[in-house]
Amino acid sequence: MNRPEDRAPVHLLAFLEKHSVDFELLAPGVPMPTVLAAAAALGVSPDLILKTLLFAGEDGSYVIAIANGTRRVNPRLLSAVSGLERPRPAKTGVVFDVTGYPAGGVSPLGLPAGLPVIVDVKVMALPIAYGGGGLENLLLRIRPAEIVRLNSAQTAQIVADGGLERSASG
């Protein structure tokens, strides 16, 4: 059986090695189309599952928003922090073109240089978390502080309290 590292995108593995990141790639072997499914597959709280989401602005610019659990990114809060006017989730095909990862598997690390990253403040309270591993069936165990450091990310409240997703997709 292949190790998860054998399936991960080469550019993600190179990034992790270059920056001496303490990480683990996990392949639970079951579909993980939602935060709740990923949490169940790992046997962890949904709050430990990260969503790395690409948002597009009206002017064609992009920003990555990272939130945890089933909480929904608030476009108004994201706009205030990022400067994007009327940010909206990017279309699936655009996600790969901009990030190098497929929608549903976007890693919080190994993102293109210059792509702004905003991490929700609640993510920073976690000692460890599980984000996309570069493919839809891989997860990356990582310390959130590494996400901020390696992306030169900004931390801010981008999820309104009580902002639960209706579908809990991630």
N, C-alpha and C. Protein backbone atom coordinates (compact mmCIF):
# COMPACT_ATOMS: atom_id res chain seq x y z
N MET A 1 0.84 -1.19 0.00
CA MET A 1 0.00 0.00 0.00
C MET A 1 0.88 1.25 0.00
N ASN A 2 0.49 2.23 -0.76
CA ASN A 2 1.26 3.47 -0.85
C ASN A 2 1.13 4.30 0.42
N ARG A 3 2.22 4.95 0.76
CA ARG A 3 2.20 5.90 1.87
C ARG A 3 1.52 7.17 1.37
N PRO A 4 0.89 7.94 2.27
CA PRO A 4 0.26 9.20 1.83
C PRO A 4 1.26 10.13 1.12
N GLU A 5 2.51 10.13 1.57
CA GLU A 5 3.53 10.99 0.96
C GLU A 5 3.76 10.65 -0.51
N ASP A 6 3.50 9.39 -0.88
CA ASP A 6 3.69 8.97 -2.26
C ASP A 6 2.64 9.57 -3.20
N ARG A 7 1.52 10.01 -2.63
CA ARG A 7 0.43 10.57 -3.44
C ARG A 7 0.36 12.09 -3.39
N ALA A 8 1.02 12.69 -2.42
CA ALA A 8 0.93 14.15 -2.23
C ALA A 8 1.60 14.89 -3.39
N PRO A 9 1.11 16.10 -3.67
CA PRO A 9 1.74 16.90 -4.72
C PRO A 9 3.22 17.14 -4.41
N VAL A 10 4.05 17.00 -5.43
CA VAL A 10 5.50 17.16 -5.28
C VAL A 10 5.85 18.54 -4.74
N HIS A 11 5.18 19.58 -5.22
CA HIS A 11 5.53 20.93 -4.77
C HIS A 11 5.20 21.12 -3.28
N LEU A 12 4.17 20.46 -2.77
CA LEU A 12 3.86 20.55 -1.34
C LEU A 12 4.94 19.86 -0.52
N LEU A 13 5.32 18.66 -0.93
CA LEU A 13 6.37 17.94 -0.20
C LEU A 13 7.69 18.71 -0.22
N ALA A 14 8.03 19.30 -1.36
CA ALA A 14 9.27 20.09 -1.46
C ALA A 14 9.21 21.29 -0.52
N PHE A 15 8.06 21.95 -0.46
CA PHE A 15 7.89 23.10 0.42
C PHE A 15 8.06 22.68 1.89
N LEU A 16 7.42 21.60 2.28
CA LEU A 16 7.49 21.12 3.66
C LEU A 16 8.92 20.76 4.04
N GLU A 17 9.62 20.12 3.12
CA GLU A 17 11.02 19.73 3.39
C GLU A 17 11.93 20.95 3.46
N LYS A 18 11.77 21.86 2.51
CA LYS A 18 12.61 23.06 2.46
C LYS A 18 12.51 23.87 3.74
N HIS A 19 11.31 23.92 4.32
CA HIS A 19 11.07 24.74 5.51
C HIS A 19 11.10 23.94 6.81
N SER A 20 11.53 22.68 6.73
CA SER A 20 11.66 21.81 7.92
C SER A 20 10.39 21.83 8.77
N VAL A 21 9.25 21.65 8.12
CA VAL A 21 7.96 21.68 8.80
C VAL A 21 7.70 20.34 9.49
N ASP A 22 7.24 20.41 10.74
CA ASP A 22 6.80 19.22 11.46
C ASP A 22 5.37 18.94 10.99
N PHE A 23 5.17 17.86 10.26
CA PHE A 23 3.86 17.58 9.67
C PHE A 23 3.65 16.08 9.59
N GLU A 24 2.42 15.71 9.31
CA GLU A 24 2.08 14.33 8.99
C GLU A 24 0.99 14.36 7.94
N LEU A 25 1.15 13.59 6.88
CA LEU A 25 0.09 13.44 5.88
C LEU A 25 -0.71 12.20 6.24
N LEU A 26 -2.03 12.34 6.16
CA LEU A 26 -2.93 11.25 6.53
C LEU A 26 -3.89 10.96 5.39
N ALA A 27 -4.10 9.68 5.14
CA ALA A 27 -5.05 9.24 4.13
C ALA A 27 -6.00 8.25 4.79
N PRO A 28 -7.10 8.72 5.37
CA PRO A 28 -8.00 7.85 6.11
C PRO A 28 -8.65 6.75 5.28
N GLY A 29 -8.67 6.90 3.97
CA GLY A 29 -9.21 5.83 3.12
C GLY A 29 -10.72 5.88 2.94
N VAL A 30 -11.33 6.99 3.35
CA VAL A 30 -12.77 7.18 3.15
C VAL A 30 -12.98 8.56 2.55
N PRO A 31 -14.09 8.76 1.84
CA PRO A 31 -14.36 10.09 1.29
C PRO A 31 -14.50 11.12 2.41
N MET A 32 -13.99 12.33 2.16
CA MET A 32 -14.05 13.40 3.16
C MET A 32 -14.54 14.70 2.51
N PRO A 33 -15.78 14.68 1.97
CA PRO A 33 -16.28 15.86 1.27
C PRO A 33 -16.69 16.99 2.20
N THR A 34 -16.77 16.74 3.51
CA THR A 34 -17.18 17.77 4.46
C THR A 34 -16.26 17.78 5.66
N VAL A 35 -16.33 18.85 6.41
CA VAL A 35 -15.58 18.96 7.66
C VAL A 35 -15.98 17.82 8.59
N LEU A 36 -17.28 17.56 8.69
CA LEU A 36 -17.75 16.51 9.60
C LEU A 36 -17.25 15.13 9.17
N ALA A 37 -17.21 14.88 7.88
CA ALA A 37 -16.70 13.59 7.39
C ALA A 37 -15.21 13.45 7.67
N ALA A 38 -14.45 14.53 7.48
CA ALA A 38 -13.01 14.49 7.75
C ALA A 38 -12.76 14.26 9.24
N ALA A 39 -13.52 14.95 10.09
CA ALA A 39 -13.36 14.79 11.53
C ALA A 39 -13.68 13.35 11.95
N ALA A 40 -14.75 12.80 11.40
CA ALA A 40 -15.13 11.42 11.73
C ALA A 40 -14.07 10.43 11.25
N ALA A 41 -13.50 10.67 10.06
CA ALA A 41 -12.47 9.78 9.52
C ALA A 41 -11.23 9.74 10.40
N LEU A 42 -10.91 10.89 11.02
CA LEU A 42 -9.72 10.96 11.87
C LEU A 42 -10.04 10.69 13.35
N GLY A 43 -11.32 10.74 13.69
CA GLY A 43 -11.71 10.58 15.08
C GLY A 43 -11.34 11.79 15.93
N VAL A 44 -11.48 12.99 15.36
CA VAL A 44 -11.16 14.23 16.07
C VAL A 44 -12.37 15.17 16.03
N SER A 45 -12.31 16.21 16.82
CA SER A 45 -13.36 17.23 16.82
C SER A 45 -13.36 17.97 15.48
N PRO A 46 -14.55 18.33 14.98
CA PRO A 46 -14.60 19.14 13.76
C PRO A 46 -13.84 20.45 13.88
N ASP A 47 -13.70 20.97 15.10
CA ASP A 47 -12.96 22.22 15.29
C ASP A 47 -11.49 22.10 14.91
N LEU A 48 -10.97 20.89 14.82
CA LEU A 48 -9.56 20.69 14.45
C LEU A 48 -9.36 20.59 12.93
N ILE A 49 -10.44 20.61 12.18
CA ILE A 49 -10.37 20.53 10.72
C ILE A 49 -10.36 21.94 10.14
N LEU A 50 -9.36 22.21 9.31
CA LEU A 50 -9.22 23.52 8.67
C LEU A 50 -9.79 23.50 7.26
N LYS A 51 -10.34 24.64 6.87
CA LYS A 51 -10.77 24.85 5.49
C LYS A 51 -9.88 25.94 4.93
N THR A 52 -9.24 25.64 3.81
CA THR A 52 -8.41 26.63 3.11
C THR A 52 -9.18 27.00 1.86
N LEU A 53 -9.79 28.18 1.88
CA LEU A 53 -10.74 28.58 0.85
C LEU A 53 -10.20 29.75 0.04
N LEU A 54 -10.37 29.68 -1.27
CA LEU A 54 -9.98 30.77 -2.16
C LEU A 54 -11.19 31.65 -2.43
N PHE A 55 -11.02 32.95 -2.17
CA PHE A 55 -12.06 33.92 -2.47
C PHE A 55 -11.57 34.84 -3.58
N ALA A 56 -12.51 35.22 -4.46
CA ALA A 56 -12.21 36.12 -5.58
C ALA A 56 -12.87 37.47 -5.32
N GLY A 57 -12.17 38.52 -5.69
CA GLY A 57 -12.73 39.87 -5.60
C GLY A 57 -13.27 40.29 -6.94
N GLU A 58 -14.04 41.36 -6.94
CA GLU A 58 -14.63 41.86 -8.20
C GLU A 58 -13.58 42.29 -9.20
N ASP A 59 -12.39 42.67 -8.72
CA ASP A 59 -11.34 43.15 -9.61
C ASP A 59 -10.43 42.04 -10.13
N GLY A 60 -10.77 40.77 -9.83
CA GLY A 60 -9.97 39.66 -10.31
C GLY A 60 -8.83 39.28 -9.38
N SER A 61 -8.76 39.90 -8.21
CA SER A 61 -7.73 39.53 -7.24
C SER A 61 -8.28 38.43 -6.33
N TYR A 62 -7.37 37.76 -5.62
CA TYR A 62 -7.73 36.61 -4.80
C TYR A 62 -7.12 36.72 -3.42
N VAL A 63 -7.76 36.01 -2.49
CA VAL A 63 -7.24 35.88 -1.13
C VAL A 63 -7.62 34.49 -0.62
N ILE A 64 -6.72 33.93 0.18
CA ILE A 64 -7.00 32.66 0.85
C ILE A 64 -7.54 32.98 2.24
N ALA A 65 -8.63 32.33 2.62
CA ALA A 65 -9.20 32.44 3.96
C ALA A 65 -9.12 31.07 4.61
N ILE A 66 -8.57 31.02 5.83
CA ILE A 66 -8.46 29.75 6.55
C ILE A 66 -9.28 29.85 7.83
N ALA A 67 -10.24 28.94 7.94
CA ALA A 67 -11.11 28.88 9.12
C ALA A 67 -11.18 27.42 9.57
N ASN A 68 -11.73 27.21 10.75
CA ASN A 68 -11.80 25.84 11.26
C ASN A 68 -13.24 25.43 11.55
N GLY A 69 -13.44 24.11 11.56
CA GLY A 69 -14.74 23.56 11.90
C GLY A 69 -15.81 23.89 10.89
N THR A 70 -17.03 23.89 11.36
CA THR A 70 -18.17 24.13 10.47
C THR A 70 -18.57 25.60 10.42
N ARG A 71 -17.71 26.44 10.95
CA ARG A 71 -17.98 27.88 10.94
C ARG A 71 -17.75 28.46 9.54
N ARG A 72 -18.58 29.39 9.17
CA ARG A 72 -18.56 29.95 7.82
C ARG A 72 -17.80 31.28 7.76
N VAL A 73 -16.95 31.44 6.76
CA VAL A 73 -16.24 32.71 6.56
C VAL A 73 -17.27 33.77 6.20
N ASN A 74 -17.20 34.92 6.86
CA ASN A 74 -18.12 36.02 6.63
C ASN A 74 -17.49 36.96 5.58
N PRO A 75 -18.12 37.07 4.41
CA PRO A 75 -17.53 37.91 3.35
C PRO A 75 -17.30 39.36 3.77
N ARG A 76 -18.18 39.91 4.60
CA ARG A 76 -18.02 41.30 5.05
C ARG A 76 -16.77 41.44 5.91
N LEU A 77 -16.55 40.50 6.84
CA LEU A 77 -15.35 40.55 7.67
C LEU A 77 -14.09 40.33 6.82
N LEU A 78 -14.17 39.38 5.88
CA LEU A 78 -13.03 39.11 5.00
C LEU A 78 -12.70 40.33 4.16
N SER A 79 -13.71 41.01 3.66
CA SER A 79 -13.50 42.21 2.85
C SER A 79 -12.81 43.30 3.66
N ALA A 80 -13.25 43.48 4.89
CA ALA A 80 -12.67 44.53 5.75
C ALA A 80 -11.19 44.28 6.01
N VAL A 81 -10.81 43.03 6.14
CA VAL A 81 -9.41 42.69 6.44
C VAL A 81 -8.55 42.66 5.17
N SER A 82 -9.10 42.10 4.10
CA SER A 82 -8.31 41.86 2.89
C SER A 82 -8.33 43.01 1.90
N GLY A 83 -9.36 43.84 1.97
CA GLY A 83 -9.51 44.91 0.99
C GLY A 83 -10.21 44.46 -0.28
N LEU A 84 -10.55 43.19 -0.40
CA LEU A 84 -11.29 42.71 -1.57
C LEU A 84 -12.72 43.22 -1.50
N GLU A 85 -13.20 43.76 -2.61
CA GLU A 85 -14.59 44.18 -2.65
C GLU A 85 -15.46 42.99 -3.00
N ARG A 86 -16.48 42.80 -2.20
CA ARG A 86 -17.46 41.72 -2.39
C ARG A 86 -16.79 40.37 -2.67
N PRO A 87 -15.98 39.87 -1.74
CA PRO A 87 -15.34 38.57 -1.97
C PRO A 87 -16.38 37.45 -2.04
N ARG A 88 -16.13 36.53 -2.94
CA ARG A 88 -17.02 35.38 -3.10
C ARG A 88 -16.15 34.15 -3.32
N PRO A 89 -16.63 32.96 -2.94
CA PRO A 89 -15.83 31.77 -3.18
C PRO A 89 -15.49 31.64 -4.67
N ALA A 90 -14.24 31.31 -4.94
CA ALA A 90 -13.80 31.15 -6.33
C ALA A 90 -14.42 29.88 -6.93
N LYS A 91 -14.60 29.91 -8.23
CA LYS A 91 -15.14 28.74 -8.93
C LYS A 91 -14.12 27.59 -8.85
N THR A 92 -14.64 26.38 -8.88
CA THR A 92 -13.82 25.18 -8.71
C THR A 92 -12.62 25.15 -9.65
N GLY A 93 -12.81 25.42 -10.93
CA GLY A 93 -11.71 25.40 -11.89
C GLY A 93 -10.66 26.44 -11.61
N VAL A 94 -11.07 27.58 -11.10
CA VAL A 94 -10.15 28.66 -10.77
C VAL A 94 -9.28 28.29 -9.57
N VAL A 95 -9.85 27.54 -8.63
CA VAL A 95 -9.11 27.16 -7.42
C VAL A 95 -7.79 26.48 -7.80
N PHE A 96 -7.84 25.50 -8.69
CA PHE A 96 -6.62 24.81 -9.09
C PHE A 96 -5.67 25.76 -9.82
N ASP A 97 -6.19 26.55 -10.72
CA ASP A 97 -5.35 27.46 -11.50
C ASP A 97 -4.59 28.45 -10.61
N VAL A 98 -5.24 28.93 -9.56
CA VAL A 98 -4.63 29.93 -8.68
C VAL A 98 -3.75 29.31 -7.60
N THR A 99 -4.21 28.18 -7.00
CA THR A 99 -3.49 27.61 -5.85
C THR A 99 -2.57 26.45 -6.20
N GLY A 100 -2.85 25.76 -7.31
CA GLY A 100 -2.10 24.55 -7.63
C GLY A 100 -2.65 23.31 -6.95
N TYR A 101 -3.78 23.46 -6.28
CA TYR A 101 -4.45 22.36 -5.59
C TYR A 101 -5.90 22.29 -6.03
N PRO A 102 -6.49 21.07 -6.01
CA PRO A 102 -7.91 20.97 -6.37
C PRO A 102 -8.81 21.47 -5.25
N ALA A 103 -9.97 21.99 -5.63
CA ALA A 103 -10.97 22.39 -4.62
C ALA A 103 -11.28 21.16 -3.76
N GLY A 104 -11.35 21.38 -2.47
CA GLY A 104 -11.58 20.27 -1.54
C GLY A 104 -10.31 19.66 -1.01
N GLY A 105 -9.16 20.06 -1.56
CA GLY A 105 -7.89 19.52 -1.11
C GLY A 105 -6.81 20.58 -0.97
N VAL A 106 -7.22 21.86 -0.96
CA VAL A 106 -6.24 22.95 -0.91
C VAL A 106 -5.48 22.89 0.40
N SER A 107 -4.17 22.84 0.28
CA SER A 107 -3.31 22.83 1.46
C SER A 107 -3.12 24.25 1.98
N PRO A 108 -2.99 24.40 3.29
CA PRO A 108 -2.70 25.74 3.83
C PRO A 108 -1.23 26.12 3.66
N LEU A 109 -0.41 25.22 3.13
CA LEU A 109 1.01 25.48 2.88
C LEU A 109 1.35 25.16 1.43
N GLY A 110 2.45 25.73 0.96
CA GLY A 110 2.86 25.50 -0.42
C GLY A 110 2.00 26.28 -1.41
N LEU A 111 1.44 27.37 -0.95
CA LEU A 111 0.63 28.23 -1.81
C LEU A 111 1.54 29.15 -2.63
N PRO A 112 1.06 29.66 -3.74
CA PRO A 112 1.89 30.55 -4.55
C PRO A 112 2.34 31.79 -3.79
N ALA A 113 3.57 32.19 -4.01
CA ALA A 113 4.10 33.41 -3.39
C ALA A 113 3.24 34.59 -3.81
N GLY A 114 2.99 35.49 -2.89
CA GLY A 114 2.23 36.69 -3.19
C GLY A 114 0.72 36.54 -3.02
N LEU A 115 0.24 35.32 -2.83
CA LEU A 115 -1.19 35.12 -2.62
C LEU A 115 -1.50 35.43 -1.16
N PRO A 116 -2.29 36.48 -0.88
CA PRO A 116 -2.55 36.85 0.51
C PRO A 116 -3.31 35.74 1.24
N VAL A 117 -2.95 35.53 2.52
CA VAL A 117 -3.58 34.51 3.34
C VAL A 117 -4.05 35.17 4.64
N ILE A 118 -5.32 34.94 4.96
CA ILE A 118 -5.91 35.45 6.20
C ILE A 118 -6.34 34.23 7.01
N VAL A 119 -5.87 34.12 8.25
CA VAL A 119 -6.21 33.01 9.13
C VAL A 119 -7.12 33.53 10.23
N ASP A 120 -8.26 32.86 10.42
CA ASP A 120 -9.18 33.27 11.47
C ASP A 120 -8.53 33.10 12.84
N VAL A 121 -8.82 34.03 13.74
CA VAL A 121 -8.20 34.03 15.07
C VAL A 121 -8.47 32.74 15.85
N LYS A 122 -9.61 32.12 15.64
CA LYS A 122 -9.91 30.87 16.38
C LYS A 122 -8.99 29.73 15.96
N VAL A 123 -8.50 29.76 14.75
CA VAL A 123 -7.54 28.75 14.29
C VAL A 123 -6.27 28.83 15.12
N MET A 124 -5.87 30.04 15.46
CA MET A 124 -4.60 30.24 16.18
C MET A 124 -4.64 29.72 17.61
N ALA A 125 -5.82 29.45 18.14
CA ALA A 125 -5.94 28.91 19.48
C ALA A 125 -5.68 27.40 19.51
N LEU A 126 -5.58 26.78 18.34
CA LEU A 126 -5.39 25.33 18.26
C LEU A 126 -3.91 24.96 18.31
N PRO A 127 -3.55 23.97 19.12
CA PRO A 127 -2.16 23.53 19.14
C PRO A 127 -1.78 22.79 17.84
N ILE A 128 -2.70 21.99 17.33
CA ILE A 128 -2.53 21.31 16.04
C ILE A 128 -3.86 21.34 15.31
N ALA A 129 -3.80 21.15 14.00
CA ALA A 129 -5.02 21.11 13.20
C ALA A 129 -4.74 20.25 11.97
N TYR A 130 -5.80 19.97 11.24
CA TYR A 130 -5.71 19.13 10.04
C TYR A 130 -6.30 19.90 8.87
N GLY A 131 -5.47 20.20 7.90
CA GLY A 131 -5.91 20.92 6.71
C GLY A 131 -5.76 20.04 5.48
N GLY A 132 -6.10 20.59 4.34
CA GLY A 132 -5.97 19.85 3.09
C GLY A 132 -4.53 19.43 2.84
N GLY A 133 -4.38 18.23 2.30
CA GLY A 133 -3.06 17.69 2.01
C GLY A 133 -2.69 17.77 0.54
N GLY A 134 -3.37 18.64 -0.20
CA GLY A 134 -3.04 18.81 -1.61
C GLY A 134 -3.88 17.98 -2.55
N LEU A 135 -4.63 17.03 -2.00
CA LEU A 135 -5.57 16.21 -2.77
C LEU A 135 -6.82 16.04 -1.91
N GLU A 136 -7.93 15.71 -2.54
CA GLU A 136 -9.19 15.59 -1.81
C GLU A 136 -9.18 14.49 -0.75
N ASN A 137 -8.32 13.50 -0.90
CA ASN A 137 -8.31 12.36 0.03
C ASN A 137 -7.13 12.38 1.00
N LEU A 138 -6.42 13.50 1.08
CA LEU A 138 -5.29 13.63 2.00
C LEU A 138 -5.52 14.78 2.96
N LEU A 139 -5.07 14.59 4.20
CA LEU A 139 -5.09 15.67 5.19
C LEU A 139 -3.67 15.88 5.71
N LEU A 140 -3.40 17.10 6.11
CA LEU A 140 -2.09 17.50 6.60
C LEU A 140 -2.21 17.91 8.06
N ARG A 141 -1.52 17.21 8.97
CA ARG A 141 -1.46 17.62 10.37
C ARG A 141 -0.38 18.67 10.50
N ILE A 142 -0.74 19.81 11.07
CA ILE A 142 0.16 20.95 11.11
C ILE A 142 -0.15 21.83 12.32
N ARG A 143 0.83 22.57 12.76
CA ARG A 143 0.59 23.58 13.80
C ARG A 143 0.14 24.87 13.10
N PRO A 144 -0.98 25.45 13.53
CA PRO A 144 -1.44 26.68 12.88
C PRO A 144 -0.41 27.81 12.87
N ALA A 145 0.43 27.87 13.88
CA ALA A 145 1.46 28.92 13.89
C ALA A 145 2.38 28.79 12.67
N GLU A 146 2.62 27.58 12.20
CA GLU A 146 3.44 27.38 11.01
C GLU A 146 2.75 27.93 9.76
N ILE A 147 1.43 27.81 9.71
CA ILE A 147 0.67 28.34 8.57
C ILE A 147 0.87 29.86 8.48
N VAL A 148 0.76 30.51 9.61
CA VAL A 148 0.93 31.97 9.63
C VAL A 148 2.36 32.34 9.27
N ARG A 149 3.31 31.69 9.90
CA ARG A 149 4.73 32.01 9.67
C ARG A 149 5.14 31.80 8.22
N LEU A 150 4.81 30.66 7.67
CA LEU A 150 5.30 30.31 6.33
C LEU A 150 4.55 31.00 5.20
N ASN A 151 3.36 31.52 5.49
CA ASN A 151 2.61 32.27 4.48
C ASN A 151 2.70 33.77 4.70
N SER A 152 3.42 34.19 5.75
CA SER A 152 3.38 35.60 6.16
C SER A 152 1.92 36.06 6.24
N ALA A 153 1.11 35.19 6.83
CA ALA A 153 -0.33 35.41 6.87
C ALA A 153 -0.72 36.43 7.93
N GLN A 154 -1.86 36.99 7.72
CA GLN A 154 -2.48 37.91 8.66
C GLN A 154 -3.49 37.10 9.48
N THR A 155 -3.64 37.41 10.76
CA THR A 155 -4.69 36.79 11.56
C THR A 155 -5.74 37.84 11.86
N ALA A 156 -6.99 37.45 11.77
CA ALA A 156 -8.10 38.37 12.01
C ALA A 156 -9.37 37.54 12.19
N GLN A 157 -10.38 38.19 12.74
CA GLN A 157 -11.67 37.52 12.83
C GLN A 157 -12.33 37.62 11.46
N ILE A 158 -12.47 36.47 10.80
CA ILE A 158 -13.13 36.43 9.50
C ILE A 158 -14.37 35.55 9.53
N VAL A 159 -14.66 35.00 10.72
CA VAL A 159 -15.86 34.19 10.92
C VAL A 159 -16.67 34.87 12.01
N ALA A 160 -17.92 35.19 11.71
CA ALA A 160 -18.78 35.81 12.71
C ALA A 160 -19.18 34.76 13.73
N ASP A 161 -19.26 35.15 14.99
CA ASP A 161 -19.70 34.21 16.01
C ASP A 161 -21.07 33.67 15.63
N GLY A 162 -21.21 32.35 15.74
CA GLY A 162 -22.47 31.72 15.39
C GLY A 162 -22.63 31.51 13.90
N GLY A 163 -21.58 31.77 13.10
CA GLY A 163 -21.67 31.63 11.65
C GLY A 163 -21.46 30.21 11.19
N LEU A 164 -22.41 29.33 11.50
CA LEU A 164 -22.28 27.93 11.09
C LEU A 164 -22.69 27.74 9.65
N GLU A 165 -22.00 26.85 8.98
CA GLU A 165 -22.34 26.54 7.60
C GLU A 165 -23.63 25.73 7.56
N ARG A 166 -24.41 25.94 6.55
CA ARG A 166 -25.62 25.15 6.40
C ARG A 166 -25.29 23.73 5.97
N SER A 167 -24.31 23.57 5.08
CA SER A 167 -23.97 22.25 4.57
C SER A 167 -22.78 21.62 5.26
N ALA A 168 -22.07 22.39 6.06
CA ALA A 168 -20.87 21.94 6.76
C ALA A 168 -19.81 21.44 5.80
N SER A 169 -19.80 21.94 4.55
CA SER A 169 -18.80 21.49 3.59
C SER A 169 -17.48 22.18 3.84
N GLY A 170 -16.43 21.50 3.46
CA GLY A 170 -15.11 22.07 3.70
C GLY A 170 -14.23 21.74 2.63
